[in-house]
């Protein structure tokens, strides 16, 4: 009985923290922030380096490579879609590029977080979960994350560069 109560308390604390983080993020999302196009590559490069390091230390085995490749492709599609949901604007006079998050983009992340929490809850409560299957899940989710982050940034950068070039051409 005590084990079940601890799990519920842990889940409630996680949901509370998630609610606070999302509330703060929603508030910050309404603000228009500068978009530094030249820095969009940094986070995907860092994440990619971490992924390569982890895959070097403990490489995926057999079919896990295929699952990771499929997750990478799915992450690319999801990241590209989320990147399209971000509002990007260019000031016609100063050519300052800015971004503003959208409610749809935030809801998209909320759905992904809910899926992750559901998967984690299932894995923790499923009797006899093999440690190798947890490593496999981690390898696949790392690939999904790389595709998501990389393609979101790629889409935003391509769109911002095109908008900036258009603004500069119209000023000439």
C-alpha atoms as a PDB file:
ATOM      1  CA  UNK A   1       0.000   0.000   0.000  1.00  0.00           C
ATOM      2  CA  UNK A   2       2.810   2.402   0.889  1.00  0.00           C
ATOM      3  CA  UNK A   3       4.535   1.809  -2.471  1.00  0.00           C
ATOM      4  CA  UNK A   4       1.336   2.818  -4.312  1.00  0.00           C
ATOM      5  CA  UNK A   5       1.008   6.008  -2.252  1.00  0.00           C
ATOM      6  CA  UNK A   6       4.616   6.961  -2.978  1.00  0.00           C
ATOM      7  CA  UNK A   7       4.029   6.521  -6.708  1.00  0.00           C
ATOM      8  CA  UNK A   8       0.922   8.710  -6.594  1.00  0.00           C
ATOM      9  CA  UNK A   9       2.748  11.366  -4.597  1.00  0.00           C
ATOM     10  CA  UNK A  10       5.624  11.285  -7.088  1.00  0.00           C
ATOM     11  CA  UNK A  11       3.181  11.591  -9.977  1.00  0.00           C
ATOM     12  CA  UNK A  12       1.354  14.501  -8.330  1.00  0.00           C
ATOM     13  CA  UNK A  13       4.637  16.304  -7.647  1.00  0.00           C
ATOM     14  CA  UNK A  14       5.692  15.768 -11.257  1.00  0.00           C
ATOM     15  CA  UNK A  15       2.371  17.129 -12.514  1.00  0.00           C
ATOM     16  CA  UNK A  16       2.649  20.118 -10.176  1.00  0.00           C
ATOM     17  CA  UNK A  17       6.155  20.938 -11.366  1.00  0.00           C
ATOM     18  CA  UNK A  18       5.032  20.480 -14.968  1.00  0.00           C
ATOM     19  CA  UNK A  19       2.096  22.848 -14.415  1.00  0.00           C
ATOM     20  CA  UNK A  20       4.373  25.528 -12.945  1.00  0.00           C
ATOM     21  CA  UNK A  21       6.932  25.165 -15.747  1.00  0.00           C
ATOM     22  CA  UNK A  22       4.255  25.307 -18.450  1.00  0.00           C
ATOM     23  CA  UNK A  23       2.605  28.331 -16.863  1.00  0.00           C
ATOM     24  CA  UNK A  24       5.918  30.183 -16.773  1.00  0.00           C
ATOM     25  CA  UNK A  25       6.695  29.064 -20.319  1.00  0.00           C
ATOM     26  CA  UNK A  26       3.284  30.217 -21.588  1.00  0.00           C
ATOM     27  CA  UNK A  27       3.872  33.629 -20.045  1.00  0.00           C
ATOM     28  CA  UNK A  28       7.319  33.900 -21.616  1.00  0.00           C
ATOM     29  CA  UNK A  29       6.027  32.553 -24.923  1.00  0.00           C
ATOM     30  CA  UNK A  30       3.793  35.601 -25.436  1.00  0.00           C
ATOM     31  CA  UNK A  31       6.847  37.828 -25.570  1.00  0.00           C
ATOM     32  CA  UNK A  32       8.537  38.611 -28.847  1.00  0.00           C
ATOM     33  CA  UNK A  33      12.193  37.625 -28.541  1.00  0.00           C
ATOM     34  CA  UNK A  34      15.125  38.216 -30.856  1.00  0.00           C
ATOM     35  CA  UNK A  35      16.016  35.257 -33.046  1.00  0.00           C
ATOM     36  CA  UNK A  36      19.733  34.849 -33.573  1.00  0.00           C
ATOM     37  CA  UNK A  37      19.862  32.899 -36.823  1.00  0.00           C
ATOM     38  CA  UNK A  38      23.598  32.348 -36.532  1.00  0.00           C
ATOM     39  CA  UNK A  39      23.112  30.531 -33.200  1.00  0.00           C
ATOM     40  CA  UNK A  40      20.379  28.085 -34.203  1.00  0.00           C
ATOM     41  CA  UNK A  41      22.921  25.335 -34.892  1.00  0.00           C
ATOM     42  CA  UNK A  42      24.411  25.290 -31.374  1.00  0.00           C
ATOM     43  CA  UNK A  43      21.781  23.241 -29.517  1.00  0.00           C
ATOM     44  CA  UNK A  44      21.407  20.552 -32.235  1.00  0.00           C
ATOM     45  CA  UNK A  45      25.206  20.289 -32.519  1.00  0.00           C
ATOM     46  CA  UNK A  46      25.580  19.879 -28.752  1.00  0.00           C
ATOM     47  CA  UNK A  47      22.759  17.345 -28.611  1.00  0.00           C
ATOM     48  CA  UNK A  48      24.245  15.493 -31.582  1.00  0.00           C
ATOM     49  CA  UNK A  49      27.642  15.340 -29.860  1.00  0.00           C
ATOM     50  CA  UNK A  50      26.021  13.941 -26.710  1.00  0.00           C
ATOM     51  CA  UNK A  51      24.151  11.372 -28.806  1.00  0.00           C
ATOM     52  CA  UNK A  52      27.330  10.297 -30.614  1.00  0.00           C
ATOM     53  CA  UNK A  53      29.173  10.009 -27.295  1.00  0.00           C
ATOM     54  CA  UNK A  54      26.406   7.903 -25.769  1.00  0.00           C
ATOM     55  CA  UNK A  55      26.115   5.706 -28.861  1.00  0.00           C
ATOM     56  CA  UNK A  56      29.902   5.250 -28.853  1.00  0.00           C
ATOM     57  CA  UNK A  57      29.966   4.127 -25.224  1.00  0.00           C
ATOM     58  CA  UNK A  58      26.932   1.850 -25.578  1.00  0.00           C
ATOM     59  CA  UNK A  59      26.057   1.380 -29.266  1.00  0.00           C
ATOM     60  CA  UNK A  60      22.560   0.243 -30.193  1.00  0.00           C
ATOM     61  CA  UNK A  61      22.430  -3.438 -31.094  1.00  0.00           C
ATOM     62  CA  UNK A  62      20.754  -5.111 -34.070  1.00  0.00           C
ATOM     63  CA  UNK A  63      17.274  -3.835 -34.873  1.00  0.00           C
ATOM     64  CA  UNK A  64      17.637  -0.930 -32.442  1.00  0.00           C
ATOM     65  CA  UNK A  65      19.544   0.898 -35.198  1.00  0.00           C
ATOM     66  CA  UNK A  66      16.453   0.610 -37.405  1.00  0.00           C
ATOM     67  CA  UNK A  67      14.181   1.803 -34.597  1.00  0.00           C
ATOM     68  CA  UNK A  68      16.526   4.724 -33.909  1.00  0.00           C
ATOM     69  CA  UNK A  69      16.576   5.652 -37.608  1.00  0.00           C
ATOM     70  CA  UNK A  70      12.767   5.545 -37.715  1.00  0.00           C
ATOM     71  CA  UNK A  71      12.625   7.670 -34.550  1.00  0.00           C
ATOM     72  CA  UNK A  72      15.078  10.138 -36.081  1.00  0.00           C
ATOM     73  CA  UNK A  73      12.834  10.438 -39.146  1.00  0.00           C
ATOM     74  CA  UNK A  74       9.732  10.862 -36.955  1.00  0.00           C
ATOM     75  CA  UNK A  75      11.567  13.452 -34.855  1.00  0.00           C
ATOM     76  CA  UNK A  76      12.495  15.344 -38.017  1.00  0.00           C
ATOM     77  CA  UNK A  77       8.874  15.414 -39.158  1.00  0.00           C
ATOM     78  CA  UNK A  78       7.618  16.515 -35.732  1.00  0.00           C
ATOM     79  CA  UNK A  79      10.370  19.117 -35.344  1.00  0.00           C
ATOM     80  CA  UNK A  80       9.728  20.544 -38.798  1.00  0.00           C
ATOM     81  CA  UNK A  81       6.032  20.845 -37.966  1.00  0.00           C
ATOM     82  CA  UNK A  82       6.734  22.551 -34.627  1.00  0.00           C
ATOM     83  CA  UNK A  83       9.180  24.916 -36.339  1.00  0.00           C
ATOM     84  CA  UNK A  84       6.421  25.948 -38.747  1.00  0.00           C
ATOM     85  CA  UNK A  85       4.179  26.745 -35.776  1.00  0.00           C
ATOM     86  CA  UNK A  86       6.646  29.340 -34.470  1.00  0.00           C
ATOM     87  CA  UNK A  87       5.923  32.931 -35.502  1.00  0.00           C
ATOM     88  CA  UNK A  88       8.938  34.619 -37.075  1.00  0.00           C
ATOM     89  CA  UNK A  89       9.004  38.266 -38.127  1.00  0.00           C
ATOM     90  CA  UNK A  90      11.525  40.689 -39.592  1.00  0.00           C
ATOM     91  CA  UNK A  91      11.432  44.409 -38.834  1.00  0.00           C
ATOM     92  CA  UNK A  92      11.367  46.094 -42.271  1.00  0.00           C
ATOM     93  CA  UNK A  93      13.510  49.034 -41.121  1.00  0.00           C
ATOM     94  CA  UNK A  94      16.134  47.458 -38.852  1.00  0.00           C
ATOM     95  CA  UNK A  95      16.018  43.935 -40.281  1.00  0.00           C
ATOM     96  CA  UNK A  96      15.900  42.547 -36.737  1.00  0.00           C
ATOM     97  CA  UNK A  97      14.601  38.976 -36.772  1.00  0.00           C
ATOM     98  CA  UNK A  98      12.306  37.985 -33.919  1.00  0.00           C
ATOM     99  CA  UNK A  99      10.326  34.958 -32.882  1.00  0.00           C
ATOM    100  CA  UNK A 100       7.233  34.373 -30.841  1.00  0.00           C
ATOM    101  CA  UNK A 101       5.953  31.031 -29.695  1.00  0.00           C
ATOM    102  CA  UNK A 102       2.450  30.032 -30.597  1.00  0.00           C
ATOM    103  CA  UNK A 103      -0.196  28.372 -28.480  1.00  0.00           C
ATOM    104  CA  UNK A 104      -0.280  25.488 -30.988  1.00  0.00           C
ATOM    105  CA  UNK A 105       3.490  24.988 -30.570  1.00  0.00           C
ATOM    106  CA  UNK A 106       3.096  24.917 -26.799  1.00  0.00           C
ATOM    107  CA  UNK A 107       0.212  22.451 -26.969  1.00  0.00           C
ATOM    108  CA  UNK A 108       2.321  20.293 -29.281  1.00  0.00           C
ATOM    109  CA  UNK A 109       5.071  20.119 -26.655  1.00  0.00           C
ATOM    110  CA  UNK A 110       2.463  19.448 -23.959  1.00  0.00           C
ATOM    111  CA  UNK A 111       1.220  16.405 -25.909  1.00  0.00           C
ATOM    112  CA  UNK A 112       4.785  15.108 -26.300  1.00  0.00           C
ATOM    113  CA  UNK A 113       5.435  15.555 -22.558  1.00  0.00           C
ATOM    114  CA  UNK A 114       2.187  13.737 -21.743  1.00  0.00           C
ATOM    115  CA  UNK A 115       3.188  10.857 -24.021  1.00  0.00           C
ATOM    116  CA  UNK A 116       6.585  10.674 -22.356  1.00  0.00           C
ATOM    117  CA  UNK A 117       5.061  10.675 -18.886  1.00  0.00           C
ATOM    118  CA  UNK A 118       2.590   7.974 -19.901  1.00  0.00           C
ATOM    119  CA  UNK A 119       5.361   5.818 -21.321  1.00  0.00           C
ATOM    120  CA  UNK A 120       7.458   6.313 -18.208  1.00  0.00           C
ATOM    121  CA  UNK A 121       4.517   5.500 -15.927  1.00  0.00           C
ATOM    122  CA  UNK A 122       3.861   2.318 -17.913  1.00  0.00           C
ATOM    123  CA  UNK A 123       7.509   1.279 -17.805  1.00  0.00           C
ATOM    124  CA  UNK A 124       7.746   1.874 -14.047  1.00  0.00           C
ATOM    125  CA  UNK A 125       4.574  -0.039 -13.261  1.00  0.00           C
ATOM    126  CA  UNK A 126       4.985  -2.907 -15.701  1.00  0.00           C
ATOM    127  CA  UNK A 127       6.286  -5.935 -13.890  1.00  0.00           C
ATOM    128  CA  UNK A 128       9.416  -7.522 -15.288  1.00  0.00           C
ATOM    129  CA  UNK A 129      10.661  -4.658 -17.491  1.00  0.00           C
ATOM    130  CA  UNK A 130      13.992  -5.760 -18.904  1.00  0.00           C
ATOM    131  CA  UNK A 131      16.866  -3.260 -18.419  1.00  0.00           C
ATOM    132  CA  UNK A 132      17.893  -3.836 -22.039  1.00  0.00           C
ATOM    133  CA  UNK A 133      14.474  -2.695 -23.215  1.00  0.00           C
ATOM    134  CA  UNK A 134      14.893   0.495 -21.171  1.00  0.00           C
ATOM    135  CA  UNK A 135      18.275   1.110 -22.857  1.00  0.00           C
ATOM    136  CA  UNK A 136      16.643   0.488 -26.226  1.00  0.00           C
ATOM    137  CA  UNK A 137      13.883   2.976 -25.395  1.00  0.00           C
ATOM    138  CA  UNK A 138      16.502   5.536 -24.375  1.00  0.00           C
ATOM    139  CA  UNK A 139      18.469   5.039 -27.601  1.00  0.00           C
ATOM    140  CA  UNK A 140      15.322   5.493 -29.666  1.00  0.00           C
ATOM    141  CA  UNK A 141      14.164   8.563 -27.721  1.00  0.00           C
ATOM    142  CA  UNK A 142      17.603  10.167 -28.060  1.00  0.00           C
ATOM    143  CA  UNK A 143      17.349   9.795 -31.846  1.00  0.00           C
ATOM    144  CA  UNK A 144      13.810  11.221 -31.792  1.00  0.00           C
ATOM    145  CA  UNK A 145      15.043  14.216 -29.784  1.00  0.00           C
ATOM    146  CA  UNK A 146      17.914  14.903 -32.171  1.00  0.00           C
ATOM    147  CA  UNK A 147      15.603  14.872 -35.169  1.00  0.00           C
ATOM    148  CA  UNK A 148      13.068  17.053 -33.361  1.00  0.00           C
ATOM    149  CA  UNK A 149      15.507  19.717 -32.212  1.00  0.00           C
ATOM    150  CA  UNK A 150      17.569  19.721 -35.389  1.00  0.00           C
ATOM    151  CA  UNK A 151      14.703  19.981 -37.852  1.00  0.00           C
ATOM    152  CA  UNK A 152      12.819  22.545 -35.797  1.00  0.00           C
ATOM    153  CA  UNK A 153      15.879  24.778 -35.802  1.00  0.00           C
ATOM    154  CA  UNK A 154      16.555  24.060 -39.477  1.00  0.00           C
ATOM    155  CA  UNK A 155      13.026  25.034 -40.511  1.00  0.00           C
ATOM    156  CA  UNK A 156      13.096  28.198 -38.421  1.00  0.00           C
ATOM    157  CA  UNK A 157      16.514  29.180 -39.773  1.00  0.00           C
ATOM    158  CA  UNK A 158      15.557  28.612 -43.406  1.00  0.00           C
ATOM    159  CA  UNK A 159      12.326  30.577 -43.023  1.00  0.00           C
ATOM    160  CA  UNK A 160      14.038  33.407 -41.122  1.00  0.00           C
ATOM    161  CA  UNK A 161      16.810  33.683 -43.734  1.00  0.00           C
ATOM    162  CA  UNK A 162      14.259  33.808 -46.559  1.00  0.00           C
ATOM    163  CA  UNK A 163      12.236  36.471 -44.763  1.00  0.00           C
ATOM    164  CA  UNK A 164      15.382  38.486 -44.038  1.00  0.00           C
ATOM    165  CA  UNK A 165      16.505  38.294 -47.674  1.00  0.00           C
ATOM    166  CA  UNK A 166      13.047  39.409 -48.787  1.00  0.00           C
ATOM    167  CA  UNK A 167      13.115  42.365 -46.388  1.00  0.00           C
ATOM    168  CA  UNK A 168      16.566  43.402 -47.578  1.00  0.00           C
ATOM    169  CA  UNK A 169      15.542  43.089 -51.241  1.00  0.00           C
ATOM    170  CA  UNK A 170      12.430  45.207 -50.754  1.00  0.00           C
ATOM    171  CA  UNK A 171      14.469  47.969 -49.062  1.00  0.00           C
ATOM    172  CA  UNK A 172      16.845  48.242 -52.052  1.00  0.00           C
END
